[in-house]
């Protein structure tokens, strides 16, 4: 199959960069959507979820299908509640992998918070300080099976840092 040249650009030397014309990435934000609790859908796989509501937000992942993925980025630190990402079925869907945390004001090498027990962690809880949710957080959850999401990324923390991974 030949794709017409007007549908894409392949040259990285183009001043506008390499662009697949017509392709867009969905951006999901709490402020623009009036979200507090949001169920992500399989059709939104590949979307960037932006944490930008000072009162926090809850995002529930869809039932995992291998290859599905979501990226999360913090624009504004929450000042009440938290930013939370949770699996749809907490009894049988889990988060594996790790997130590396850096301190917002202290120069240090960072701390890794791994999730290696296959039947333990079901959510990322970012409270705006000690567990992340500070501007600059960025992590990706990729479905690797019908029961597991692989976590990779980093988050920015302040105060006495702690793991953002949780069993609830």
C-alpha atoms as a PDB file:
ATOM      1  CA  UNK A   1       0.000   0.000   0.000  1.00  0.00           C
ATOM      2  CA  UNK A   2       1.336   3.417  -0.914  1.00  0.00           C
ATOM      3  CA  UNK A   3       0.516   6.374   1.309  1.00  0.00           C
ATOM      4  CA  UNK A   4       0.145   9.614  -0.649  1.00  0.00           C
ATOM      5  CA  UNK A   5       3.030  12.020   0.057  1.00  0.00           C
ATOM      6  CA  UNK A   6       0.663  14.796   1.109  1.00  0.00           C
ATOM      7  CA  UNK A   7      -0.429  12.659   4.102  1.00  0.00           C
ATOM      8  CA  UNK A   8       2.948  12.643   5.816  1.00  0.00           C
ATOM      9  CA  UNK A   9       6.381  14.230   5.997  1.00  0.00           C
ATOM     10  CA  UNK A  10       9.439  12.084   6.592  1.00  0.00           C
ATOM     11  CA  UNK A  11      12.248  14.608   6.581  1.00  0.00           C
ATOM     12  CA  UNK A  12      13.571  15.717   9.955  1.00  0.00           C
ATOM     13  CA  UNK A  13      15.259  18.573   8.072  1.00  0.00           C
ATOM     14  CA  UNK A  14      11.883  20.163   7.434  1.00  0.00           C
ATOM     15  CA  UNK A  15      11.646  23.368   9.546  1.00  0.00           C
ATOM     16  CA  UNK A  16       8.292  22.135  10.887  1.00  0.00           C
ATOM     17  CA  UNK A  17       9.750  18.767  11.928  1.00  0.00           C
ATOM     18  CA  UNK A  18       8.489  15.323  11.036  1.00  0.00           C
ATOM     19  CA  UNK A  19       4.697  15.432  10.894  1.00  0.00           C
ATOM     20  CA  UNK A  20       2.038  12.890  10.052  1.00  0.00           C
ATOM     21  CA  UNK A  21      -0.595  15.253   8.712  1.00  0.00           C
ATOM     22  CA  UNK A  22      -3.996  14.811  10.263  1.00  0.00           C
ATOM     23  CA  UNK A  23      -2.725  12.714  13.178  1.00  0.00           C
ATOM     24  CA  UNK A  24      -3.337  14.227  16.606  1.00  0.00           C
ATOM     25  CA  UNK A  25      -2.771  13.023  20.138  1.00  0.00           C
ATOM     26  CA  UNK A  26      -5.695  13.337  22.515  1.00  0.00           C
ATOM     27  CA  UNK A  27      -5.012  15.558  25.525  1.00  0.00           C
ATOM     28  CA  UNK A  28      -7.223  14.925  28.547  1.00  0.00           C
ATOM     29  CA  UNK A  29      -7.312  17.634  31.211  1.00  0.00           C
ATOM     30  CA  UNK A  30      -9.459  18.008  34.286  1.00  0.00           C
ATOM     31  CA  UNK A  31      -9.889  21.758  33.925  1.00  0.00           C
ATOM     32  CA  UNK A  32     -11.082  21.695  30.330  1.00  0.00           C
ATOM     33  CA  UNK A  33     -13.440  18.788  30.941  1.00  0.00           C
ATOM     34  CA  UNK A  34     -14.733  19.612  34.424  1.00  0.00           C
ATOM     35  CA  UNK A  35     -13.439  16.241  35.621  1.00  0.00           C
ATOM     36  CA  UNK A  36     -13.074  14.996  39.144  1.00  0.00           C
ATOM     37  CA  UNK A  37     -13.629  11.287  38.466  1.00  0.00           C
ATOM     38  CA  UNK A  38     -12.910  10.064  34.955  1.00  0.00           C
ATOM     39  CA  UNK A  39     -13.054   6.604  33.367  1.00  0.00           C
ATOM     40  CA  UNK A  40     -10.450   6.357  30.611  1.00  0.00           C
ATOM     41  CA  UNK A  41     -11.558   4.277  27.600  1.00  0.00           C
ATOM     42  CA  UNK A  42      -9.652   1.873  25.333  1.00  0.00           C
ATOM     43  CA  UNK A  43     -10.238   4.296  22.437  1.00  0.00           C
ATOM     44  CA  UNK A  44      -8.191   6.907  24.351  1.00  0.00           C
ATOM     45  CA  UNK A  45      -5.066   4.718  24.401  1.00  0.00           C
ATOM     46  CA  UNK A  46      -2.046   6.904  23.644  1.00  0.00           C
ATOM     47  CA  UNK A  47      -3.616   9.995  25.212  1.00  0.00           C
ATOM     48  CA  UNK A  48      -1.715  12.413  27.414  1.00  0.00           C
ATOM     49  CA  UNK A  49      -3.532  12.985  30.707  1.00  0.00           C
ATOM     50  CA  UNK A  50      -2.601  16.353  32.216  1.00  0.00           C
ATOM     51  CA  UNK A  51      -2.972  16.836  35.962  1.00  0.00           C
ATOM     52  CA  UNK A  52      -3.986  20.501  36.209  1.00  0.00           C
ATOM     53  CA  UNK A  53      -6.737  20.839  38.809  1.00  0.00           C
ATOM     54  CA  UNK A  54      -5.710  22.163  42.230  1.00  0.00           C
ATOM     55  CA  UNK A  55      -8.421  20.039  43.866  1.00  0.00           C
ATOM     56  CA  UNK A  56      -7.069  16.797  42.383  1.00  0.00           C
ATOM     57  CA  UNK A  57      -8.683  14.211  40.125  1.00  0.00           C
ATOM     58  CA  UNK A  58      -9.278  10.455  39.909  1.00  0.00           C
ATOM     59  CA  UNK A  59      -8.580   8.624  36.643  1.00  0.00           C
ATOM     60  CA  UNK A  60      -9.611   4.982  36.302  1.00  0.00           C
ATOM     61  CA  UNK A  61      -7.751   2.916  33.724  1.00  0.00           C
ATOM     62  CA  UNK A  62      -9.760   0.739  31.332  1.00  0.00           C
ATOM     63  CA  UNK A  63      -9.519  -3.051  31.482  1.00  0.00           C
ATOM     64  CA  UNK A  64      -6.012  -3.680  30.143  1.00  0.00           C
ATOM     65  CA  UNK A  65      -5.446  -4.970  26.624  1.00  0.00           C
ATOM     66  CA  UNK A  66      -1.787  -5.630  25.786  1.00  0.00           C
ATOM     67  CA  UNK A  67      -0.291  -2.627  23.992  1.00  0.00           C
ATOM     68  CA  UNK A  68      -2.733  -0.038  25.340  1.00  0.00           C
ATOM     69  CA  UNK A  69      -0.955   2.907  27.023  1.00  0.00           C
ATOM     70  CA  UNK A  70      -1.529   6.260  28.730  1.00  0.00           C
ATOM     71  CA  UNK A  71       0.932   8.999  29.619  1.00  0.00           C
ATOM     72  CA  UNK A  72       0.422  11.236  32.665  1.00  0.00           C
ATOM     73  CA  UNK A  73       2.016  14.657  33.244  1.00  0.00           C
ATOM     74  CA  UNK A  74       1.616  17.121  36.120  1.00  0.00           C
ATOM     75  CA  UNK A  75       1.140  20.769  35.186  1.00  0.00           C
ATOM     76  CA  UNK A  76      -0.155  22.081  38.543  1.00  0.00           C
ATOM     77  CA  UNK A  77       0.416  20.680  42.021  1.00  0.00           C
ATOM     78  CA  UNK A  78      -2.812  19.689  43.717  1.00  0.00           C
ATOM     79  CA  UNK A  79      -3.433  21.553  46.961  1.00  0.00           C
ATOM     80  CA  UNK A  80      -6.276  19.373  48.237  1.00  0.00           C
ATOM     81  CA  UNK A  81      -7.234  15.752  47.636  1.00  0.00           C
ATOM     82  CA  UNK A  82      -4.808  14.065  45.218  1.00  0.00           C
ATOM     83  CA  UNK A  83      -4.196  13.015  41.654  1.00  0.00           C
ATOM     84  CA  UNK A  84      -4.944   9.314  41.535  1.00  0.00           C
ATOM     85  CA  UNK A  85      -4.705   6.756  38.747  1.00  0.00           C
ATOM     86  CA  UNK A  86      -6.259   3.391  39.597  1.00  0.00           C
ATOM     87  CA  UNK A  87      -6.858   0.095  37.824  1.00  0.00           C
ATOM     88  CA  UNK A  88     -10.441  -0.691  36.840  1.00  0.00           C
ATOM     89  CA  UNK A  89     -10.651  -4.008  38.706  1.00  0.00           C
ATOM     90  CA  UNK A  90      -8.465  -3.695  41.799  1.00  0.00           C
ATOM     91  CA  UNK A  91      -8.853  -7.364  42.721  1.00  0.00           C
ATOM     92  CA  UNK A  92      -7.246  -8.597  39.493  1.00  0.00           C
ATOM     93  CA  UNK A  93      -5.414  -5.757  37.680  1.00  0.00           C
ATOM     94  CA  UNK A  94      -2.073  -4.523  38.954  1.00  0.00           C
ATOM     95  CA  UNK A  95       0.703  -1.996  38.340  1.00  0.00           C
ATOM     96  CA  UNK A  96       4.262  -3.308  37.925  1.00  0.00           C
ATOM     97  CA  UNK A  97       7.498  -1.466  37.190  1.00  0.00           C
ATOM     98  CA  UNK A  98       8.972   1.560  38.893  1.00  0.00           C
ATOM     99  CA  UNK A  99       8.906   5.295  39.135  1.00  0.00           C
ATOM    100  CA  UNK A 100      12.007   7.311  39.990  1.00  0.00           C
ATOM    101  CA  UNK A 101      11.399  10.209  42.346  1.00  0.00           C
ATOM    102  CA  UNK A 102      13.436  13.385  42.571  1.00  0.00           C
ATOM    103  CA  UNK A 103      13.152  16.002  45.290  1.00  0.00           C
ATOM    104  CA  UNK A 104      11.829  19.380  44.173  1.00  0.00           C
ATOM    105  CA  UNK A 105      14.365  21.425  46.169  1.00  0.00           C
ATOM    106  CA  UNK A 106      17.107  19.075  47.363  1.00  0.00           C
ATOM    107  CA  UNK A 107      19.862  18.087  44.958  1.00  0.00           C
ATOM    108  CA  UNK A 108      20.046  14.306  45.239  1.00  0.00           C
ATOM    109  CA  UNK A 109      20.341  11.240  43.073  1.00  0.00           C
ATOM    110  CA  UNK A 110      16.683  10.334  43.510  1.00  0.00           C
ATOM    111  CA  UNK A 111      14.822   7.352  44.891  1.00  0.00           C
ATOM    112  CA  UNK A 112      13.303   4.488  42.937  1.00  0.00           C
ATOM    113  CA  UNK A 113       9.915   3.204  44.033  1.00  0.00           C
ATOM    114  CA  UNK A 114       9.489  -0.238  42.482  1.00  0.00           C
ATOM    115  CA  UNK A 115       6.306  -2.254  42.214  1.00  0.00           C
ATOM    116  CA  UNK A 116       7.504  -5.804  41.803  1.00  0.00           C
ATOM    117  CA  UNK A 117       4.830  -7.882  43.531  1.00  0.00           C
ATOM    118  CA  UNK A 118       2.447  -8.984  40.786  1.00  0.00           C
ATOM    119  CA  UNK A 119      -0.630  -8.827  43.023  1.00  0.00           C
ATOM    120  CA  UNK A 120      -0.093  -5.748  45.148  1.00  0.00           C
ATOM    121  CA  UNK A 121      -0.186  -2.213  43.737  1.00  0.00           C
ATOM    122  CA  UNK A 122      -3.288  -0.966  41.980  1.00  0.00           C
ATOM    123  CA  UNK A 123      -2.846   2.823  41.976  1.00  0.00           C
ATOM    124  CA  UNK A 124      -0.562   5.825  41.768  1.00  0.00           C
ATOM    125  CA  UNK A 125      -1.473   8.426  44.414  1.00  0.00           C
ATOM    126  CA  UNK A 126       0.094  11.857  43.995  1.00  0.00           C
ATOM    127  CA  UNK A 127      -0.658  14.230  46.877  1.00  0.00           C
ATOM    128  CA  UNK A 128       1.082  17.372  45.602  1.00  0.00           C
ATOM    129  CA  UNK A 129       4.046  17.000  47.961  1.00  0.00           C
ATOM    130  CA  UNK A 130       5.593  13.834  49.457  1.00  0.00           C
ATOM    131  CA  UNK A 131       4.328  11.311  46.855  1.00  0.00           C
ATOM    132  CA  UNK A 132       4.536  13.537  43.802  1.00  0.00           C
ATOM    133  CA  UNK A 133       1.915  15.490  41.943  1.00  0.00           C
ATOM    134  CA  UNK A 134       4.349  18.387  41.630  1.00  0.00           C
ATOM    135  CA  UNK A 135       4.833  20.078  38.220  1.00  0.00           C
ATOM    136  CA  UNK A 136       7.116  17.987  36.063  1.00  0.00           C
ATOM    137  CA  UNK A 137       5.864  14.520  37.003  1.00  0.00           C
ATOM    138  CA  UNK A 138       5.730  12.288  33.957  1.00  0.00           C
ATOM    139  CA  UNK A 139       4.959   8.582  33.823  1.00  0.00           C
ATOM    140  CA  UNK A 140       3.525   6.047  31.410  1.00  0.00           C
ATOM    141  CA  UNK A 141       1.320   3.051  32.120  1.00  0.00           C
ATOM    142  CA  UNK A 142       1.396   0.402  29.379  1.00  0.00           C
ATOM    143  CA  UNK A 143      -0.813  -2.691  29.424  1.00  0.00           C
ATOM    144  CA  UNK A 144       1.395  -5.773  29.095  1.00  0.00           C
ATOM    145  CA  UNK A 145      -1.357  -8.366  29.621  1.00  0.00           C
ATOM    146  CA  UNK A 146      -5.021  -8.565  30.598  1.00  0.00           C
ATOM    147  CA  UNK A 147      -4.036  -8.155  34.261  1.00  0.00           C
ATOM    148  CA  UNK A 148      -0.930  -5.952  34.333  1.00  0.00           C
ATOM    149  CA  UNK A 149       0.098  -2.364  33.628  1.00  0.00           C
ATOM    150  CA  UNK A 150       3.827  -1.615  33.346  1.00  0.00           C
ATOM    151  CA  UNK A 151       4.867   1.649  35.029  1.00  0.00           C
ATOM    152  CA  UNK A 152       7.813   3.745  33.903  1.00  0.00           C
ATOM    153  CA  UNK A 153       8.704   7.358  34.520  1.00  0.00           C
ATOM    154  CA  UNK A 154       9.545   9.819  37.241  1.00  0.00           C
ATOM    155  CA  UNK A 155       7.877  12.108  39.675  1.00  0.00           C
ATOM    156  CA  UNK A 156       8.858  15.189  41.612  1.00  0.00           C
ATOM    157  CA  UNK A 157       8.360  15.198  45.377  1.00  0.00           C
ATOM    158  CA  UNK A 158       8.811  17.611  48.257  1.00  0.00           C
ATOM    159  CA  UNK A 159       9.114  17.201  52.017  1.00  0.00           C
ATOM    160  CA  UNK A 160       9.748  13.683  53.360  1.00  0.00           C
ATOM    161  CA  UNK A 161       9.358  11.642  50.202  1.00  0.00           C
ATOM    162  CA  UNK A 162       7.298   8.448  50.023  1.00  0.00           C
ATOM    163  CA  UNK A 163       6.115   5.919  47.477  1.00  0.00           C
ATOM    164  CA  UNK A 164       3.240   7.001  45.221  1.00  0.00           C
ATOM    165  CA  UNK A 165       2.268   3.354  44.663  1.00  0.00           C
ATOM    166  CA  UNK A 166      -0.623   2.011  46.682  1.00  0.00           C
ATOM    167  CA  UNK A 167      -2.637  -1.153  47.221  1.00  0.00           C
ATOM    168  CA  UNK A 168      -5.914   0.761  47.235  1.00  0.00           C
END
